[in-house]
All heavy atoms as atom14 arrays in JSON, in Angstrom:
{
  "sequence": "PILKDDRTQNAAGEYSFNFETGNGIVRSESGYQADGQ",
  "atom14_mask": [
    [1, 1, 1, 1, 1, 1, 1, 0, 0, 0, 0, 0, 0, 0],
    [1, 1, 1, 1, 1, 1, 1, 1, 0, 0, 0, 0, 0, 0],
    [1, 1, 1, 1, 1, 1, 1, 1, 0, 0, 0, 0, 0, 0],
    [1, 1, 1, 1, 1, 1, 1, 1, 1, 0, 0, 0, 0, 0],
    [1, 1, 1, 1, 1, 1, 1, 1, 0, 0, 0, 0, 0, 0],
    [1, 1, 1, 1, 1, 1, 1, 1, 0, 0, 0, 0, 0, 0],
    [1, 1, 1, 1, 1, 1, 1, 1, 1, 1, 1, 0, 0, 0],
    [1, 1, 1, 1, 1, 1, 1, 0, 0, 0, 0, 0, 0, 0],
    [1, 1, 1, 1, 1, 1, 1, 1, 1, 0, 0, 0, 0, 0],
    [1, 1, 1, 1, 1, 1, 1, 1, 0, 0, 0, 0, 0, 0],
    [1, 1, 1, 1, 1, 0, 0, 0, 0, 0, 0, 0, 0, 0],
    [1, 1, 1, 1, 1, 0, 0, 0, 0, 0, 0, 0, 0, 0],
    [1, 1, 1, 1, 0, 0, 0, 0, 0, 0, 0, 0, 0, 0],
    [1, 1, 1, 1, 1, 1, 1, 1, 1, 0, 0, 0, 0, 0],
    [1, 1, 1, 1, 1, 1, 1, 1, 1, 1, 1, 1, 0, 0],
    [1, 1, 1, 1, 1, 1, 0, 0, 0, 0, 0, 0, 0, 0],
    [1, 1, 1, 1, 1, 1, 1, 1, 1, 1, 1, 0, 0, 0],
    [1, 1, 1, 1, 1, 1, 1, 1, 0, 0, 0, 0, 0, 0],
    [1, 1, 1, 1, 1, 1, 1, 1, 1, 1, 1, 0, 0, 0],
    [1, 1, 1, 1, 1, 1, 1, 1, 1, 0, 0, 0, 0, 0],
    [1, 1, 1, 1, 1, 1, 1, 0, 0, 0, 0, 0, 0, 0],
    [1, 1, 1, 1, 0, 0, 0, 0, 0, 0, 0, 0, 0, 0],
    [1, 1, 1, 1, 1, 1, 1, 1, 0, 0, 0, 0, 0, 0],
    [1, 1, 1, 1, 0, 0, 0, 0, 0, 0, 0, 0, 0, 0],
    [1, 1, 1, 1, 1, 1, 1, 1, 0, 0, 0, 0, 0, 0],
    [1, 1, 1, 1, 1, 1, 1, 0, 0, 0, 0, 0, 0, 0],
    [1, 1, 1, 1, 1, 1, 1, 1, 1, 1, 1, 0, 0, 0],
    [1, 1, 1, 1, 1, 1, 0, 0, 0, 0, 0, 0, 0, 0],
    [1, 1, 1, 1, 1, 1, 1, 1, 1, 0, 0, 0, 0, 0],
    [1, 1, 1, 1, 1, 1, 0, 0, 0, 0, 0, 0, 0, 0],
    [1, 1, 1, 1, 0, 0, 0, 0, 0, 0, 0, 0, 0, 0],
    [1, 1, 1, 1, 1, 1, 1, 1, 1, 1, 1, 1, 0, 0],
    [1, 1, 1, 1, 1, 1, 1, 1, 1, 0, 0, 0, 0, 0],
    [1, 1, 1, 1, 1, 0, 0, 0, 0, 0, 0, 0, 0, 0],
    [1, 1, 1, 1, 1, 1, 1, 1, 0, 0, 0, 0, 0, 0],
    [1, 1, 1, 1, 0, 0, 0, 0, 0, 0, 0, 0, 0, 0],
    [1, 1, 1, 1, 1, 1, 1, 1, 1, 0, 0, 0, 0, 0]
  ],
  "atom14_positions": [
    [[126.82, 109.61, 103.4], [125.88, 108.75, 104.11], [124.44, 109.27, 104.05], [124.2, 110.47, 104.0], [126.39, 108.78, 105.55], [127.15, 110.06, 105.66], [127.72, 110.33, 104.3], [0.0, 0.0, 0.0], [0.0, 0.0, 0.0], [0.0, 0.0, 0.0], [0.0, 0.0, 0.0], [0.0, 0.0, 0.0], [0.0, 0.0, 0.0], [0.0, 0.0, 0.0]],
    [[123.51, 108.34, 104.03], [122.09, 108.65, 104.15], [121.76, 108.57, 105.63], [121.87, 107.51, 106.25], [121.22, 107.65, 103.36], [121.64, 107.6, 101.89], [119.74, 107.97, 103.52], [121.47, 108.9, 101.13], [0.0, 0.0, 0.0], [0.0, 0.0, 0.0], [0.0, 0.0, 0.0], [0.0, 0.0, 0.0], [0.0, 0.0, 0.0], [0.0, 0.0, 0.0]],
    [[121.37, 109.7, 106.22], [121.1, 109.76, 107.66], [119.66, 109.39, 107.98], [119.37, 108.91, 109.08], [121.42, 111.15, 108.2], [122.83, 111.68, 107.91], [122.97, 113.1, 108.44], [123.87, 110.76, 108.52], [0.0, 0.0, 0.0], [0.0, 0.0, 0.0], [0.0, 0.0, 0.0], [0.0, 0.0, 0.0], [0.0, 0.0, 0.0], [0.0, 0.0, 0.0]],
    [[118.76, 109.66, 107.03], [117.34, 109.39, 107.26], [116.72, 109.01, 105.93], [117.02, 109.63, 104.9], [116.68, 110.64, 107.83], [115.21, 110.54, 108.07], [114.69, 111.87, 108.62], [113.22, 111.82, 108.9], [112.74, 113.1, 109.42], [0.0, 0.0, 0.0], [0.0, 0.0, 0.0], [0.0, 0.0, 0.0], [0.0, 0.0, 0.0], [0.0, 0.0, 0.0]],
    [[115.87, 108.01, 105.92], [115.17, 107.59, 104.71], [113.87, 106.93, 105.13], [113.82, 105.73, 105.38], [116.03, 106.65, 103.88], [115.42, 106.36, 102.51], [114.3, 106.84, 102.23], [116.06, 105.64, 101.73], [0.0, 0.0, 0.0], [0.0, 0.0, 0.0], [0.0, 0.0, 0.0], [0.0, 0.0, 0.0], [0.0, 0.0, 0.0], [0.0, 0.0, 0.0]],
    [[112.81, 107.72, 105.25], [111.49, 107.22, 105.66], [110.54, 107.32, 104.48], [110.43, 108.38, 103.86], [110.93, 108.05, 106.82], [111.79, 107.97, 108.07], [112.41, 106.92, 108.29], [111.82, 108.97, 108.82], [0.0, 0.0, 0.0], [0.0, 0.0, 0.0], [0.0, 0.0, 0.0], [0.0, 0.0, 0.0], [0.0, 0.0, 0.0], [0.0, 0.0, 0.0]],
    [[109.84, 106.22, 104.2], [108.9, 106.2, 103.08], [107.64, 105.47, 103.48], [107.7, 104.44, 104.16], [109.51, 105.46, 101.88], [110.8, 106.06, 101.39], [111.54, 105.1, 100.47], [112.87, 105.57, 100.21], [113.26, 106.09, 99.04], [112.41, 106.19, 98.06], [114.49, 106.5, 98.89], [0.0, 0.0, 0.0], [0.0, 0.0, 0.0], [0.0, 0.0, 0.0]],
    [[106.49, 105.98, 103.05], [105.21, 105.3, 103.26], [104.38, 105.41, 101.98], [104.54, 106.36, 101.21], [104.4, 105.93, 104.42], [104.11, 107.28, 104.11], [105.17, 105.86, 105.72], [0.0, 0.0, 0.0], [0.0, 0.0, 0.0], [0.0, 0.0, 0.0], [0.0, 0.0, 0.0], [0.0, 0.0, 0.0], [0.0, 0.0, 0.0], [0.0, 0.0, 0.0]],
    [[103.52, 104.43, 101.79], [102.62, 104.42, 100.63], [101.46, 103.51, 100.97], [101.64, 102.48, 101.63], [103.34, 103.92, 99.39], [102.51, 103.95, 98.14], [103.29, 103.54, 96.91], [104.49, 103.29, 96.98], [102.61, 103.48, 95.8], [0.0, 0.0, 0.0], [0.0, 0.0, 0.0], [0.0, 0.0, 0.0], [0.0, 0.0, 0.0], [0.0, 0.0, 0.0]],
    [[100.25, 103.86, 100.53], [99.12, 102.97, 100.76], [98.41, 102.68, 99.44], [98.74, 103.25, 98.4], [98.17, 103.53, 101.83], [97.48, 104.79, 101.4], [97.33, 105.08, 100.22], [97.03, 105.57, 102.37], [0.0, 0.0, 0.0], [0.0, 0.0, 0.0], [0.0, 0.0, 0.0], [0.0, 0.0, 0.0], [0.0, 0.0, 0.0], [0.0, 0.0, 0.0]],
    [[97.42, 101.81, 99.49], [96.71, 101.38, 98.29], [95.87, 102.5, 97.68], [95.5, 102.42, 96.5], [95.83, 100.18, 98.61], [0.0, 0.0, 0.0], [0.0, 0.0, 0.0], [0.0, 0.0, 0.0], [0.0, 0.0, 0.0], [0.0, 0.0, 0.0], [0.0, 0.0, 0.0], [0.0, 0.0, 0.0], [0.0, 0.0, 0.0], [0.0, 0.0, 0.0]],
    [[95.55, 103.52, 98.44], [94.74, 104.64, 97.93], [95.57, 105.66, 97.16], [95.03, 106.65, 96.67], [94.03, 105.32, 99.09], [0.0, 0.0, 0.0], [0.0, 0.0, 0.0], [0.0, 0.0, 0.0], [0.0, 0.0, 0.0], [0.0, 0.0, 0.0], [0.0, 0.0, 0.0], [0.0, 0.0, 0.0], [0.0, 0.0, 0.0], [0.0, 0.0, 0.0]],
    [[96.88, 105.46, 97.07], [97.73, 106.38, 96.33], [98.35, 107.47, 97.19], [99.04, 108.34, 96.68], [0.0, 0.0, 0.0], [0.0, 0.0, 0.0], [0.0, 0.0, 0.0], [0.0, 0.0, 0.0], [0.0, 0.0, 0.0], [0.0, 0.0, 0.0], [0.0, 0.0, 0.0], [0.0, 0.0, 0.0], [0.0, 0.0, 0.0], [0.0, 0.0, 0.0]],
    [[98.12, 107.43, 98.5], [98.76, 108.39, 99.38], [100.2, 107.95, 99.63], [100.47, 106.75, 99.75], [98.03, 108.48, 100.71], [96.6, 108.95, 100.57], [95.83, 108.85, 101.88], [96.08, 107.93, 102.67], [94.97, 109.71, 102.09], [0.0, 0.0, 0.0], [0.0, 0.0, 0.0], [0.0, 0.0, 0.0], [0.0, 0.0, 0.0], [0.0, 0.0, 0.0]],
    [[101.1, 108.9, 99.71], [102.5, 108.55, 99.95], [103.18, 109.68, 100.7], [102.69, 110.81, 100.74], [103.24, 108.3, 98.62], [103.52, 109.57, 97.87], [104.75, 110.22, 98.0], [102.55, 110.14, 97.05], [105.0, 111.4, 97.33], [102.8, 111.32, 96.36], [104.02, 111.95, 96.51], [104.26, 113.12, 95.85], [0.0, 0.0, 0.0], [0.0, 0.0, 0.0]],
    [[104.32, 109.37, 101.26], [105.19, 110.39, 101.84], [106.6, 109.84, 101.86], [106.81, 108.63, 101.9], [104.75, 110.8, 103.25], [104.93, 109.73, 104.14], [0.0, 0.0, 0.0], [0.0, 0.0, 0.0], [0.0, 0.0, 0.0], [0.0, 0.0, 0.0], [0.0, 0.0, 0.0], [0.0, 0.0, 0.0], [0.0, 0.0, 0.0], [0.0, 0.0, 0.0]],
    [[107.55, 110.73, 101.8], [108.94, 110.33, 102.01], [109.71, 111.49, 102.6], [109.37, 112.66, 102.4], [109.61, 109.81, 100.72], [109.8, 110.83, 99.63], [110.88, 111.7, 99.62], [108.9, 110.89, 98.58], [111.06, 112.62, 98.61], [109.07, 111.82, 97.56], [110.15, 112.67, 97.57], [0.0, 0.0, 0.0], [0.0, 0.0, 0.0], [0.0, 0.0, 0.0]],
    [[110.73, 111.16, 103.36], [111.64, 112.12, 103.98], [113.03, 111.53, 103.93], [113.2, 110.36, 104.28], [111.28, 112.35, 105.46], [109.93, 112.98, 105.63], [109.75, 114.13, 105.29], [108.98, 112.22, 106.14], [0.0, 0.0, 0.0], [0.0, 0.0, 0.0], [0.0, 0.0, 0.0], [0.0, 0.0, 0.0], [0.0, 0.0, 0.0], [0.0, 0.0, 0.0]],
    [[113.99, 112.29, 103.5], [115.36, 111.81, 103.6], [116.3, 112.96, 103.9], [116.01, 114.12, 103.65], [115.81, 111.0, 102.38], [116.05, 111.77, 101.12], [117.24, 112.47, 100.91], [115.11, 111.77, 100.12], [117.47, 113.16, 99.73], [115.33, 112.46, 98.93], [116.51, 113.15, 98.75], [0.0, 0.0, 0.0], [0.0, 0.0, 0.0], [0.0, 0.0, 0.0]],
    [[117.43, 112.6, 104.47], [118.48, 113.56, 104.81], [119.82, 112.89, 104.58], [120.01, 111.72, 104.92], [118.35, 113.98, 106.27], [119.35, 115.02, 106.7], [119.13, 115.49, 108.13], [118.13, 115.13, 108.74], [120.01, 116.22, 108.63], [0.0, 0.0, 0.0], [0.0, 0.0, 0.0], [0.0, 0.0, 0.0], [0.0, 0.0, 0.0], [0.0, 0.0, 0.0]],
    [[120.75, 113.63, 103.99], [122.07, 113.08, 103.71], [123.13, 113.72, 104.61], [122.89, 114.76, 105.21], [122.47, 113.32, 102.25], [122.6, 114.72, 102.03], [121.45, 112.73, 101.29], [0.0, 0.0, 0.0], [0.0, 0.0, 0.0], [0.0, 0.0, 0.0], [0.0, 0.0, 0.0], [0.0, 0.0, 0.0], [0.0, 0.0, 0.0], [0.0, 0.0, 0.0]],
    [[124.28, 113.1, 104.67], [125.37, 113.58, 105.5], [125.97, 114.9, 105.05], [126.7, 115.53, 105.8], [0.0, 0.0, 0.0], [0.0, 0.0, 0.0], [0.0, 0.0, 0.0], [0.0, 0.0, 0.0], [0.0, 0.0, 0.0], [0.0, 0.0, 0.0], [0.0, 0.0, 0.0], [0.0, 0.0, 0.0], [0.0, 0.0, 0.0], [0.0, 0.0, 0.0]],
    [[125.67, 115.33, 103.83], [126.19, 116.62, 103.36], [125.14, 117.72, 103.44], [125.29, 118.77, 102.84], [126.76, 116.5, 101.95], [125.72, 116.14, 100.92], [124.6, 115.77, 101.27], [126.08, 116.21, 99.66], [0.0, 0.0, 0.0], [0.0, 0.0, 0.0], [0.0, 0.0, 0.0], [0.0, 0.0, 0.0], [0.0, 0.0, 0.0], [0.0, 0.0, 0.0]],
    [[124.07, 117.5, 104.2], [123.11, 118.55, 104.47], [121.93, 118.67, 103.53], [121.15, 119.62, 103.63], [0.0, 0.0, 0.0], [0.0, 0.0, 0.0], [0.0, 0.0, 0.0], [0.0, 0.0, 0.0], [0.0, 0.0, 0.0], [0.0, 0.0, 0.0], [0.0, 0.0, 0.0], [0.0, 0.0, 0.0], [0.0, 0.0, 0.0], [0.0, 0.0, 0.0]],
    [[121.75, 117.73, 102.62], [120.59, 117.76, 101.74], [119.41, 117.17, 102.49], [119.52, 116.09, 103.08], [120.85, 116.98, 100.44], [121.97, 117.64, 99.65], [119.57, 116.88, 99.61], [122.45, 116.84, 98.46], [0.0, 0.0, 0.0], [0.0, 0.0, 0.0], [0.0, 0.0, 0.0], [0.0, 0.0, 0.0], [0.0, 0.0, 0.0], [0.0, 0.0, 0.0]],
    [[118.28, 117.87, 102.48], [117.06, 117.4, 103.13], [115.94, 117.49, 102.11], [115.81, 118.5, 101.4], [116.72, 118.27, 104.37], [115.42, 117.82, 105.01], [117.85, 118.23, 105.37], [0.0, 0.0, 0.0], [0.0, 0.0, 0.0], [0.0, 0.0, 0.0], [0.0, 0.0, 0.0], [0.0, 0.0, 0.0], [0.0, 0.0, 0.0], [0.0, 0.0, 0.0]],
    [[115.1, 116.45, 102.03], [114.0, 116.42, 101.05], [112.81, 115.73, 101.69], [112.96, 114.69, 102.33], [114.46, 115.65, 99.82], [113.41, 115.4, 98.78], [113.26, 116.6, 97.85], [112.55, 116.24, 96.64], [111.24, 116.25, 96.52], [110.47, 116.57, 97.53], [110.67, 115.93, 95.38], [0.0, 0.0, 0.0], [0.0, 0.0, 0.0], [0.0, 0.0, 0.0]],
    [[111.63, 116.3, 101.52], [110.41, 115.67, 102.0], [109.3, 115.94, 101.0], [109.32, 116.96, 100.29], [110.02, 116.2, 103.38], [109.71, 117.57, 103.31], [0.0, 0.0, 0.0], [0.0, 0.0, 0.0], [0.0, 0.0, 0.0], [0.0, 0.0, 0.0], [0.0, 0.0, 0.0], [0.0, 0.0, 0.0], [0.0, 0.0, 0.0], [0.0, 0.0, 0.0]],
    [[108.34, 115.03, 100.94], [107.21, 115.19, 100.03], [106.08, 114.28, 100.49], [106.32, 113.21, 101.04], [107.61, 114.84, 98.6], [106.51, 115.09, 97.59], [106.97, 114.84, 96.16], [108.12, 115.18, 95.82], [106.15, 114.31, 95.38], [0.0, 0.0, 0.0], [0.0, 0.0, 0.0], [0.0, 0.0, 0.0], [0.0, 0.0, 0.0], [0.0, 0.0, 0.0]],
    [[104.86, 114.72, 100.26], [103.69, 113.87, 100.49], [102.67, 114.18, 99.41], [102.68, 115.26, 98.82], [103.1, 114.1, 101.88], [102.66, 115.43, 102.01], [0.0, 0.0, 0.0], [0.0, 0.0, 0.0], [0.0, 0.0, 0.0], [0.0, 0.0, 0.0], [0.0, 0.0, 0.0], [0.0, 0.0, 0.0], [0.0, 0.0, 0.0], [0.0, 0.0, 0.0]],
    [[101.81, 113.22, 99.15], [100.82, 113.42, 98.11], [99.66, 112.47, 98.24], [99.72, 111.47, 98.98], [0.0, 0.0, 0.0], [0.0, 0.0, 0.0], [0.0, 0.0, 0.0], [0.0, 0.0, 0.0], [0.0, 0.0, 0.0], [0.0, 0.0, 0.0], [0.0, 0.0, 0.0], [0.0, 0.0, 0.0], [0.0, 0.0, 0.0], [0.0, 0.0, 0.0]],
    [[98.6, 112.78, 97.52], [97.4, 111.95, 97.54], [96.61, 112.19, 96.26], [96.85, 113.17, 95.53], [96.54, 112.29, 98.77], [96.09, 113.72, 98.83], [94.87, 114.11, 98.29], [96.9, 114.7, 99.39], [94.47, 115.44, 98.34], [96.51, 116.02, 99.43], [95.28, 116.38, 98.9], [94.9, 117.7, 98.93], [0.0, 0.0, 0.0], [0.0, 0.0, 0.0]],
    [[95.66, 111.31, 95.98], [94.8, 111.41, 94.82], [93.56, 112.22, 95.18], [92.9, 111.93, 96.17], [94.37, 110.02, 94.34], [95.5, 109.17, 93.83], [96.02, 109.68, 92.5], [95.27, 110.12, 91.65], [97.33, 109.62, 92.32], [0.0, 0.0, 0.0], [0.0, 0.0, 0.0], [0.0, 0.0, 0.0], [0.0, 0.0, 0.0], [0.0, 0.0, 0.0]],
    [[93.26, 113.25, 94.41], [92.07, 114.06, 94.6], [91.73, 114.71, 93.27], [92.14, 115.84, 93.01], [92.3, 115.11, 95.68], [0.0, 0.0, 0.0], [0.0, 0.0, 0.0], [0.0, 0.0, 0.0], [0.0, 0.0, 0.0], [0.0, 0.0, 0.0], [0.0, 0.0, 0.0], [0.0, 0.0, 0.0], [0.0, 0.0, 0.0], [0.0, 0.0, 0.0]],
    [[91.02, 113.99, 92.39], [90.77, 114.47, 91.02], [92.1, 114.81, 90.35], [92.25, 115.84, 89.71], [89.84, 115.68, 91.02], [88.43, 115.32, 91.48], [87.99, 114.19, 91.19], [87.79, 116.17, 92.13], [0.0, 0.0, 0.0], [0.0, 0.0, 0.0], [0.0, 0.0, 0.0], [0.0, 0.0, 0.0], [0.0, 0.0, 0.0], [0.0, 0.0, 0.0]],
    [[93.07, 113.97, 90.54], [94.43, 114.18, 90.07], [95.36, 114.1, 91.26], [94.93, 113.96, 92.4], [0.0, 0.0, 0.0], [0.0, 0.0, 0.0], [0.0, 0.0, 0.0], [0.0, 0.0, 0.0], [0.0, 0.0, 0.0], [0.0, 0.0, 0.0], [0.0, 0.0, 0.0], [0.0, 0.0, 0.0], [0.0, 0.0, 0.0], [0.0, 0.0, 0.0]],
    [[96.62, 114.16, 91.01], [97.6, 114.05, 92.1], [97.82, 115.41, 92.75], [98.01, 116.4, 92.06], [98.92, 113.52, 91.55], [99.96, 113.21, 92.58], [99.63, 111.99, 93.41], [98.99, 111.06, 92.93], [100.06, 111.97, 94.63], [0.0, 0.0, 0.0], [0.0, 0.0, 0.0], [0.0, 0.0, 0.0], [0.0, 0.0, 0.0], [0.0, 0.0, 0.0]]
  ]
}
């Protein structure tokens, strides 16, 4: 099961995501444009 799945993104290229699975995998990331990613 996927316990958590949150994602955001805007027109400026900023994004974030967070997810967690029922077997203990956790992943998060965020980013933005600033003379490159």
